Protein backbone atom coordinates (compact mmCIF):
# COMPACT_ATOMS: atom_id res chain seq x y z
CA MET A 1 -3.79 -17.83 -48.57
CA MET A 2 -3.86 -20.91 -50.79
CA LEU A 3 -4.42 -23.24 -47.85
CA ALA A 4 -7.17 -21.04 -46.40
CA GLU A 5 -8.94 -21.04 -49.75
CA ALA A 6 -8.64 -24.83 -49.98
CA VAL A 7 -10.24 -25.21 -46.55
CA GLN A 8 -13.09 -22.89 -47.52
CA GLN A 9 -13.68 -24.07 -51.08
CA HIS A 10 -13.25 -27.82 -50.56
CA HIS A 11 -14.36 -28.02 -46.90
CA LEU A 12 -11.08 -29.67 -45.92
CA ASP A 13 -9.61 -30.03 -42.44
CA HIS A 14 -6.61 -27.75 -41.98
CA ARG A 15 -4.56 -30.51 -40.31
CA GLY A 16 -2.23 -32.11 -42.83
CA LEU A 17 -3.68 -29.96 -45.58
CA ALA A 18 -0.43 -29.20 -47.42
CA HIS A 19 0.36 -32.91 -47.73
CA ARG A 20 -3.21 -33.68 -48.80
CA LEU A 21 -3.01 -31.05 -51.55
CA GLN A 22 0.29 -32.49 -52.73
CA ARG A 23 -1.38 -35.92 -53.06
CA HIS A 24 -4.44 -34.44 -54.83
CA ARG A 25 -2.89 -31.79 -57.04
CA GLU A 26 -6.08 -31.43 -59.08
CA LEU A 27 -7.49 -29.44 -56.13
CA ILE A 28 -4.68 -26.90 -56.49
CA ALA A 29 -5.77 -26.10 -60.05
CA GLU A 30 -9.12 -24.87 -58.71
CA LEU A 31 -7.54 -22.35 -56.32
CA SER A 32 -7.03 -18.78 -57.52
CA GLU A 33 -7.03 -16.36 -54.58
CA HIS A 34 -3.25 -16.67 -54.15
CA ARG A 35 -2.84 -15.02 -57.56
CA ARG A 36 -4.14 -11.76 -56.06
CA VAL A 37 -1.32 -11.53 -53.51
CA PRO A 38 1.31 -9.80 -55.72
CA ARG A 39 -1.20 -7.15 -56.84
CA LEU A 40 -2.36 -6.64 -53.26
CA ILE A 41 1.22 -6.20 -52.02
CA GLN A 42 1.85 -3.69 -54.79
CA ALA A 43 -1.39 -1.82 -54.09
CA LEU A 44 -0.51 -1.56 -50.39
CA SER A 45 3.01 -0.33 -51.23
CA MET A 46 4.44 -3.06 -49.03
CA TYR A 47 8.16 -3.76 -49.01
CA VAL A 48 9.22 -7.33 -49.79
CA GLU A 49 12.60 -8.34 -48.42
CA PRO A 50 14.63 -10.15 -51.09
CA VAL A 51 15.86 -13.61 -50.15
CA THR A 52 19.60 -13.48 -50.78
CA LEU A 53 22.27 -16.15 -50.69
CA ALA A 54 23.42 -14.77 -47.33
CA LEU A 55 19.90 -15.16 -45.94
CA LEU A 56 19.71 -18.74 -47.25
CA GLU A 57 23.05 -19.53 -45.60
CA ARG A 58 21.82 -18.07 -42.30
CA ALA A 59 18.56 -20.01 -42.70
CA ALA A 60 20.55 -23.24 -43.04
CA ASP A 61 22.26 -22.46 -39.72
CA LEU A 62 18.96 -21.60 -38.04
CA SER A 63 17.38 -24.77 -39.42
CA ARG A 64 20.04 -26.91 -37.80
CA GLN A 65 20.07 -24.88 -34.57
CA TYR A 66 16.29 -24.88 -33.97
CA LEU A 67 15.31 -27.94 -36.04
CA LEU A 68 13.20 -25.86 -38.44
CA LEU A 69 12.04 -26.76 -41.92
CA THR A 70 13.47 -24.65 -44.74
CA ASN A 71 10.57 -22.18 -45.12
CA ASP A 72 10.41 -21.59 -41.37
CA ALA A 73 14.18 -21.11 -41.20
CA VAL A 74 14.07 -18.60 -44.08
CA THR A 75 11.32 -16.72 -42.24
CA MET A 76 13.55 -16.61 -39.15
CA ALA A 77 16.58 -15.44 -41.15
CA VAL A 78 14.58 -12.61 -42.74
CA MET A 79 13.15 -11.63 -39.36
CA GLU A 80 16.63 -11.63 -37.84
CA CYS A 81 17.94 -9.48 -40.72
CA LEU A 82 15.11 -6.98 -40.20
CA ARG A 83 15.46 -7.16 -36.38
CA LEU A 84 11.91 -8.39 -35.93
CA SER A 85 10.97 -10.39 -32.86
CA CYS A 86 7.18 -10.80 -33.16
CA LEU A 87 5.49 -13.32 -35.42
CA VAL A 88 1.80 -13.96 -36.02
CA THR A 89 1.29 -17.59 -36.99
CA ASN A 90 -0.59 -20.71 -36.01
CA ASP A 91 2.54 -22.73 -36.75
CA ASP A 92 3.87 -24.46 -33.62
CA ASN A 93 7.31 -24.94 -35.20
CA PHE A 94 8.50 -21.56 -33.89
CA ASP A 95 7.81 -22.39 -30.24
CA ALA A 96 11.39 -23.50 -29.56
CA VAL A 97 12.97 -20.30 -30.90
CA PRO A 98 14.15 -18.13 -28.00
CA ASN A 99 13.61 -14.36 -27.94
CA LEU A 100 10.72 -14.68 -30.38
CA PHE A 101 7.23 -13.61 -29.42
CA VAL A 102 4.78 -15.85 -31.29
CA TRP A 103 1.15 -14.77 -31.35
CA LYS A 104 -1.29 -17.51 -32.37
CA PRO A 105 -4.69 -16.07 -33.28
CA ARG A 106 -6.41 -19.50 -33.54
């Protein structure tokens, strides 16, 4: 949500956006939509899977196995724990993960 808001508010290209925001942190201070996410999750009565030490250990294994960055590996570990096999993302990093259906809405 934060990256989408940065694209919209600052008219930035989505490619390399996270790194650009890290180099220009003053842009982050102007973003606020991400602050609505916890209230929205609560209002929708959505369940949030806790990230446990066991999940982090599994994520480390998945990271090495599929050459994933930490956040992607944690996503995979949580999905594995919940027996989920479909992911909606525009992230190409999951392409090498077998038995995972990745839907890219681009």
